[in-house]
Amino acid sequence: MNRTNIFFGKSHSDWLPVRGGESGDFVFRRGDGHAFAKIAPASRRGELAGERDRLIWLKGRGVACPEVINWQEEQEGACLVITAIPGVPAADLSRVSRYQKFFEWVHVQLHQQKGMISLSPPTICNSASS
C-alpha cells in the first residue's frame, strides 16, 4: 500500500521523498519547497501527534518554528504537514553541528522573547576582596 496515495491523494506526485531523519518516519518535501510532510505508521502515531502539539505550543509563544498546516489520521498512520523554514536540514549536519546549531537557535530565541533571562555570564563576587 502506498502511503503517499493515502495521505496526499491525487496530489501525491507533488511530494518528493527526503532522505530520512532519525525517527524512521517517511518525510516528503512539497514540490514548491514551501512545506514538508512527515508520515508515521500507526505504531508511531502518538509520537507524531506529540511533535505536532509541541510545534503548536512553541508557535503560540512566539517561537520561530514551522507552522502546522495539516494533520490527518488514518488507520494506516498519521501525516503532519508543516511549513518549511529557512536553514540547513538537520539531517545534513553532523551530530556535533546539530547540537551547536540548536544552542545557537535557543540563544537567539531567548534574546528575542520579552522578559526572558539574559544569557550574559554571571558576575562573580570575590568575598575575600570585598
N, C-alpha and C. Protein backbone atom coordinates (compact mmCIF):
# COMPACT_ATOMS: atom_id res chain seq x y z
N MET A 1 0.84 -1.18 0.00
CA MET A 1 0.00 0.00 0.00
C MET A 1 0.89 1.25 0.00
N ASN A 2 0.57 2.20 -0.84
CA ASN A 2 1.35 3.42 -0.98
C ASN A 2 0.82 4.49 -0.03
N ARG A 3 1.61 4.82 0.98
CA ARG A 3 1.18 5.81 1.98
C ARG A 3 0.95 7.19 1.37
N THR A 4 1.71 7.53 0.33
CA THR A 4 1.51 8.85 -0.27
C THR A 4 0.13 8.96 -0.88
N ASN A 5 -0.40 7.89 -1.46
CA ASN A 5 -1.75 7.93 -2.01
C ASN A 5 -2.78 8.12 -0.92
N ILE A 6 -2.55 7.49 0.24
CA ILE A 6 -3.50 7.60 1.35
C ILE A 6 -3.58 9.03 1.86
N PHE A 7 -2.43 9.67 2.05
CA PHE A 7 -2.42 10.98 2.67
C PHE A 7 -2.42 12.14 1.68
N PHE A 8 -1.90 11.95 0.49
CA PHE A 8 -1.82 13.06 -0.47
C PHE A 8 -2.84 12.95 -1.59
N GLY A 9 -3.48 11.80 -1.74
CA GLY A 9 -4.47 11.63 -2.80
C GLY A 9 -3.88 11.84 -4.18
N LYS A 10 -4.61 12.54 -5.02
CA LYS A 10 -4.16 12.77 -6.40
C LYS A 10 -2.94 13.68 -6.48
N SER A 11 -2.68 14.44 -5.44
CA SER A 11 -1.53 15.35 -5.47
C SER A 11 -0.25 14.68 -4.99
N HIS A 12 -0.24 13.34 -4.87
CA HIS A 12 0.94 12.65 -4.33
C HIS A 12 2.19 12.89 -5.17
N SER A 13 2.04 13.17 -6.45
CA SER A 13 3.22 13.40 -7.29
C SER A 13 3.86 14.76 -7.01
N ASP A 14 3.17 15.64 -6.27
CA ASP A 14 3.72 16.95 -5.90
C ASP A 14 4.69 16.84 -4.72
N TRP A 15 4.78 15.67 -4.10
CA TRP A 15 5.60 15.49 -2.91
C TRP A 15 6.80 14.60 -3.24
N LEU A 16 7.99 15.07 -2.89
CA LEU A 16 9.23 14.35 -3.20
C LEU A 16 9.82 13.77 -1.92
N PRO A 17 10.25 12.50 -1.95
CA PRO A 17 10.82 11.92 -0.73
C PRO A 17 12.12 12.60 -0.33
N VAL A 18 12.31 12.72 0.97
CA VAL A 18 13.52 13.31 1.54
C VAL A 18 14.22 12.18 2.29
N ARG A 19 15.55 12.13 2.15
CA ARG A 19 16.24 11.06 2.88
C ARG A 19 15.99 11.22 4.37
N GLY A 20 15.88 10.10 5.01
CA GLY A 20 15.36 10.03 6.36
C GLY A 20 16.10 10.76 7.45
N GLY A 21 15.34 11.05 8.46
CA GLY A 21 15.89 11.61 9.69
C GLY A 21 16.12 10.47 10.67
N GLU A 22 15.94 10.75 11.93
CA GLU A 22 16.23 9.77 12.96
C GLU A 22 15.00 9.03 13.47
N SER A 23 13.80 9.48 13.12
CA SER A 23 12.59 8.86 13.67
C SER A 23 12.18 7.59 12.94
N GLY A 24 12.62 7.45 11.70
CA GLY A 24 12.17 6.32 10.90
C GLY A 24 10.88 6.61 10.15
N ASP A 25 10.30 7.79 10.37
CA ASP A 25 9.09 8.18 9.63
C ASP A 25 9.46 8.52 8.19
N PHE A 26 8.46 8.56 7.33
CA PHE A 26 8.67 8.94 5.94
C PHE A 26 8.52 10.45 5.83
N VAL A 27 9.49 11.12 5.22
CA VAL A 27 9.47 12.57 5.10
C VAL A 27 9.44 12.95 3.63
N PHE A 28 8.60 13.93 3.29
CA PHE A 28 8.45 14.40 1.92
C PHE A 28 8.52 15.92 1.89
N ARG A 29 9.05 16.46 0.80
CA ARG A 29 9.08 17.90 0.58
C ARG A 29 8.13 18.20 -0.56
N ARG A 30 7.28 19.20 -0.37
CA ARG A 30 6.36 19.59 -1.44
C ARG A 30 7.18 20.16 -2.59
N GLY A 31 6.74 19.95 -3.80
CA GLY A 31 7.47 20.36 -5.00
C GLY A 31 7.89 21.82 -5.01
N ASP A 32 7.08 22.70 -4.42
CA ASP A 32 7.43 24.13 -4.40
C ASP A 32 8.43 24.46 -3.29
N GLY A 33 8.76 23.47 -2.45
CA GLY A 33 9.74 23.67 -1.38
C GLY A 33 9.24 24.42 -0.16
N HIS A 34 7.94 24.75 -0.11
CA HIS A 34 7.41 25.56 0.99
C HIS A 34 6.79 24.75 2.12
N ALA A 35 6.79 23.42 1.99
CA ALA A 35 6.18 22.59 3.03
C ALA A 35 6.83 21.21 3.07
N PHE A 36 6.74 20.60 4.24
CA PHE A 36 7.22 19.23 4.44
C PHE A 36 6.09 18.42 5.04
N ALA A 37 6.07 17.14 4.73
CA ALA A 37 5.11 16.21 5.32
C ALA A 37 5.87 15.07 5.96
N LYS A 38 5.41 14.67 7.11
CA LYS A 38 6.01 13.55 7.82
C LYS A 38 4.90 12.53 8.02
N ILE A 39 5.12 11.31 7.54
CA ILE A 39 4.12 10.26 7.66
C ILE A 39 4.65 9.19 8.61
N ALA A 40 3.87 8.90 9.64
CA ALA A 40 4.25 7.89 10.63
C ALA A 40 3.29 6.71 10.51
N PRO A 41 3.81 5.49 10.67
CA PRO A 41 2.92 4.33 10.70
C PRO A 41 2.05 4.38 11.96
N ALA A 42 1.03 3.56 11.99
CA ALA A 42 0.09 3.55 13.12
C ALA A 42 0.81 3.38 14.46
N SER A 43 1.89 2.61 14.47
CA SER A 43 2.62 2.36 15.73
C SER A 43 3.32 3.61 16.26
N ARG A 44 3.52 4.63 15.43
CA ARG A 44 4.20 5.86 15.84
C ARG A 44 3.28 7.09 15.79
N ARG A 45 1.99 6.85 15.64
CA ARG A 45 1.03 7.96 15.54
C ARG A 45 1.11 8.88 16.75
N GLY A 46 1.25 8.32 17.95
CA GLY A 46 1.31 9.13 19.17
C GLY A 46 2.53 10.04 19.20
N GLU A 47 3.67 9.53 18.76
CA GLU A 47 4.89 10.35 18.74
C GLU A 47 4.75 11.52 17.77
N LEU A 48 4.15 11.25 16.61
CA LEU A 48 3.97 12.33 15.63
C LEU A 48 2.95 13.35 16.14
N ALA A 49 1.91 12.89 16.83
CA ALA A 49 0.94 13.82 17.43
C ALA A 49 1.63 14.69 18.48
N GLY A 50 2.57 14.11 19.22
CA GLY A 50 3.33 14.89 20.20
C GLY A 50 4.18 15.96 19.53
N GLU A 51 4.78 15.61 18.39
CA GLU A 51 5.57 16.60 17.64
C GLU A 51 4.67 17.75 17.18
N ARG A 52 3.48 17.40 16.68
CA ARG A 52 2.51 18.42 16.26
C ARG A 52 2.16 19.33 17.43
N ASP A 53 1.85 18.74 18.57
CA ASP A 53 1.46 19.52 19.74
C ASP A 53 2.57 20.45 20.21
N ARG A 54 3.81 19.98 20.18
CA ARG A 54 4.94 20.83 20.59
C ARG A 54 5.12 22.01 19.64
N LEU A 55 4.96 21.77 18.34
CA LEU A 55 5.08 22.87 17.38
C LEU A 55 3.99 23.92 17.59
N ILE A 56 2.77 23.47 17.83
CA ILE A 56 1.66 24.40 18.08
C ILE A 56 1.93 25.19 19.36
N TRP A 57 2.43 24.53 20.39
CA TRP A 57 2.74 25.19 21.66
C TRP A 57 3.83 26.25 21.46
N LEU A 58 4.91 25.88 20.77
CA LEU A 58 6.00 26.84 20.52
C LEU A 58 5.51 28.04 19.72
N LYS A 59 4.76 27.78 18.65
CA LYS A 59 4.25 28.86 17.80
C LYS A 59 3.37 29.81 18.60
N GLY A 60 2.57 29.26 19.51
CA GLY A 60 1.69 30.07 20.35
C GLY A 60 2.43 30.96 21.33
N ARG A 61 3.70 30.69 21.53
CA ARG A 61 4.52 31.50 22.43
C ARG A 61 5.49 32.39 21.68
N GLY A 62 5.28 32.51 20.37
CA GLY A 62 6.09 33.41 19.57
C GLY A 62 7.45 32.88 19.19
N VAL A 63 7.68 31.58 19.36
CA VAL A 63 8.97 30.99 19.00
C VAL A 63 8.96 30.69 17.50
N ALA A 64 10.03 31.08 16.82
CA ALA A 64 10.14 30.81 15.39
C ALA A 64 10.28 29.31 15.18
N CYS A 65 9.29 28.73 14.53
CA CYS A 65 9.30 27.29 14.26
C CYS A 65 8.34 27.04 13.10
N PRO A 66 8.38 25.84 12.52
CA PRO A 66 7.43 25.54 11.45
C PRO A 66 5.99 25.65 11.95
N GLU A 67 5.11 26.07 11.05
CA GLU A 67 3.69 26.15 11.37
C GLU A 67 3.00 24.87 10.91
N VAL A 68 2.12 24.34 11.74
CA VAL A 68 1.36 23.15 11.36
C VAL A 68 0.30 23.57 10.35
N ILE A 69 0.38 22.99 9.15
CA ILE A 69 -0.57 23.29 8.08
C ILE A 69 -1.73 22.30 8.10
N ASN A 70 -1.40 21.03 8.34
CA ASN A 70 -2.44 20.00 8.28
C ASN A 70 -2.04 18.81 9.15
N TRP A 71 -3.04 18.16 9.68
CA TRP A 71 -2.87 16.92 10.45
C TRP A 71 -3.95 15.96 9.98
N GLN A 72 -3.54 14.74 9.68
CA GLN A 72 -4.50 13.76 9.19
C GLN A 72 -4.18 12.41 9.82
N GLU A 73 -5.21 11.75 10.35
CA GLU A 73 -5.05 10.41 10.90
C GLU A 73 -5.89 9.43 10.09
N GLU A 74 -5.30 8.30 9.79
CA GLU A 74 -5.98 7.21 9.10
C GLU A 74 -5.64 5.94 9.86
N GLN A 75 -6.29 4.85 9.51
CA GLN A 75 -6.00 3.56 10.14
C GLN A 75 -4.52 3.19 9.96
N GLU A 76 -3.95 3.54 8.82
CA GLU A 76 -2.57 3.16 8.50
C GLU A 76 -1.52 4.00 9.23
N GLY A 77 -1.91 5.16 9.75
CA GLY A 77 -0.95 6.03 10.42
C GLY A 77 -1.43 7.46 10.47
N ALA A 78 -0.47 8.39 10.49
CA ALA A 78 -0.79 9.81 10.58
C ALA A 78 0.17 10.61 9.71
N CYS A 79 -0.28 11.79 9.30
CA CYS A 79 0.53 12.67 8.46
C CYS A 79 0.49 14.08 9.03
N LEU A 80 1.66 14.64 9.26
CA LEU A 80 1.83 16.01 9.74
C LEU A 80 2.44 16.83 8.62
N VAL A 81 1.76 17.91 8.22
CA VAL A 81 2.29 18.80 7.18
C VAL A 81 2.63 20.13 7.85
N ILE A 82 3.87 20.58 7.64
CA ILE A 82 4.36 21.81 8.26
C ILE A 82 5.00 22.71 7.21
N THR A 83 5.08 23.99 7.53
CA THR A 83 5.76 24.93 6.64
C THR A 83 7.26 24.68 6.69
N ALA A 84 7.92 25.00 5.60
CA ALA A 84 9.38 24.94 5.56
C ALA A 84 9.91 26.21 6.22
N ILE A 85 11.06 26.12 6.83
CA ILE A 85 11.71 27.30 7.39
C ILE A 85 13.11 27.40 6.81
N PRO A 86 13.65 28.61 6.73
CA PRO A 86 14.99 28.76 6.15
C PRO A 86 16.05 28.04 6.99
N GLY A 87 17.07 27.58 6.33
CA GLY A 87 18.18 26.96 7.05
C GLY A 87 18.66 25.70 6.37
N VAL A 88 19.55 25.03 7.04
CA VAL A 88 20.13 23.78 6.55
C VAL A 88 19.39 22.63 7.23
N PRO A 89 18.96 21.62 6.46
CA PRO A 89 18.29 20.47 7.10
C PRO A 89 19.19 19.82 8.14
N ALA A 90 18.63 19.50 9.27
CA ALA A 90 19.41 18.89 10.35
C ALA A 90 20.05 17.59 9.91
N ALA A 91 19.40 16.86 9.02
CA ALA A 91 19.96 15.59 8.55
C ALA A 91 21.27 15.79 7.79
N ASP A 92 21.51 17.01 7.30
CA ASP A 92 22.74 17.30 6.56
C ASP A 92 23.91 17.68 7.47
N LEU A 93 23.65 17.80 8.76
CA LEU A 93 24.69 18.22 9.71
C LEU A 93 25.20 17.04 10.51
N SER A 94 26.43 17.13 10.97
CA SER A 94 26.96 16.12 11.89
C SER A 94 26.25 16.28 13.23
N ARG A 95 26.36 15.29 14.09
CA ARG A 95 25.72 15.36 15.41
C ARG A 95 26.24 16.57 16.20
N VAL A 96 27.53 16.83 16.16
CA VAL A 96 28.10 17.98 16.87
C VAL A 96 27.54 19.28 16.31
N SER A 97 27.48 19.38 14.99
CA SER A 97 26.94 20.59 14.36
C SER A 97 25.48 20.80 14.73
N ARG A 98 24.70 19.71 14.81
CA ARG A 98 23.28 19.83 15.19
C ARG A 98 23.16 20.42 16.58
N TYR A 99 23.96 19.93 17.53
CA TYR A 99 23.91 20.48 18.89
C TYR A 99 24.32 21.94 18.91
N GLN A 100 25.36 22.28 18.17
CA GLN A 100 25.82 23.67 18.13
C GLN A 100 24.73 24.56 17.55
N LYS A 101 24.13 24.15 16.42
CA LYS A 101 23.07 24.96 15.80
C LYS A 101 21.87 25.08 16.73
N PHE A 102 21.55 23.99 17.44
CA PHE A 102 20.42 24.03 18.36
C PHE A 102 20.65 25.07 19.46
N PHE A 103 21.84 25.05 20.06
CA PHE A 103 22.11 26.01 21.14
C PHE A 103 22.19 27.44 20.62
N GLU A 104 22.68 27.63 19.40
CA GLU A 104 22.66 28.97 18.80
C GLU A 104 21.22 29.43 18.63
N TRP A 105 20.34 28.52 18.18
CA TRP A 105 18.93 28.85 17.97
C TRP A 105 18.28 29.21 19.31
N VAL A 106 18.53 28.41 20.36
CA VAL A 106 17.97 28.69 21.68
C VAL A 106 18.44 30.06 22.16
N HIS A 107 19.70 30.37 21.97
CA HIS A 107 20.25 31.66 22.37
C HIS A 107 19.48 32.80 21.70
N VAL A 108 19.28 32.70 20.40
CA VAL A 108 18.55 33.74 19.66
C VAL A 108 17.11 33.83 20.15
N GLN A 109 16.46 32.68 20.34
CA GLN A 109 15.06 32.69 20.78
C GLN A 109 14.92 33.35 22.14
N LEU A 110 15.81 33.05 23.06
CA LEU A 110 15.72 33.65 24.38
C LEU A 110 15.91 35.16 24.33
N HIS A 111 16.79 35.62 23.49
CA HIS A 111 17.02 37.06 23.39
C HIS A 111 15.89 37.78 22.67
N GLN A 112 15.12 37.07 21.86
CA GLN A 112 14.02 37.70 21.14
C GLN A 112 12.76 37.78 22.00
N GLN A 113 12.67 36.99 23.03
CA GLN A 113 11.49 36.97 23.88
C GLN A 113 11.57 38.07 24.93
N LYS A 114 10.51 38.83 25.07
CA LYS A 114 10.47 39.87 26.11
C LYS A 114 10.39 39.20 27.47
N GLY A 115 11.13 39.75 28.41
CA GLY A 115 11.08 39.24 29.78
C GLY A 115 11.88 37.98 30.01
N MET A 116 12.61 37.52 29.00
CA MET A 116 13.40 36.30 29.19
C MET A 116 14.71 36.67 29.87
N ILE A 117 15.34 35.67 30.44
CA ILE A 117 16.60 35.90 31.14
C ILE A 117 17.70 36.28 30.17
N SER A 118 18.67 36.99 30.66
CA SER A 118 19.84 37.33 29.87
C SER A 118 20.81 36.16 29.90
N LEU A 119 21.45 35.93 28.79
CA LEU A 119 22.43 34.85 28.73
C LEU A 119 23.84 35.36 28.99
N SER A 120 23.95 36.58 29.49
CA SER A 120 25.26 37.12 29.82
C SER A 120 25.86 36.32 30.96
N PRO A 121 27.17 36.17 30.98
CA PRO A 121 27.79 35.43 32.09
C PRO A 121 27.50 36.13 33.40
N PRO A 122 27.30 35.36 34.47
CA PRO A 122 27.01 35.98 35.77
C PRO A 122 28.24 36.71 36.30
N THR A 123 27.98 37.73 37.11
CA THR A 123 29.07 38.44 37.77
C THR A 123 29.50 37.61 38.97
N ILE A 124 30.78 37.36 39.07
CA ILE A 124 31.28 36.56 40.18
C ILE A 124 31.88 37.49 41.22
N CYS A 125 31.37 37.40 42.42
CA CYS A 125 31.86 38.24 43.52
C CYS A 125 32.92 37.47 44.29
N ASN A 126 34.00 38.13 44.55
CA ASN A 126 35.07 37.53 45.35
C ASN A 126 34.95 38.10 46.75
N SER A 127 34.41 37.31 47.65
CA SER A 127 34.16 37.81 49.01
C SER A 127 35.45 38.15 49.75
N ALA A 128 36.56 37.57 49.35
CA ALA A 128 37.83 37.85 50.03
C ALA A 128 38.30 39.28 49.78
N SER A 129 37.94 39.84 48.63
CA SER A 129 38.39 41.20 48.32
C SER A 129 37.36 42.24 48.69
N SER A 130 36.19 41.84 49.15
CA SER A 130 35.13 42.79 49.48
C SER A 130 35.31 43.37 50.85
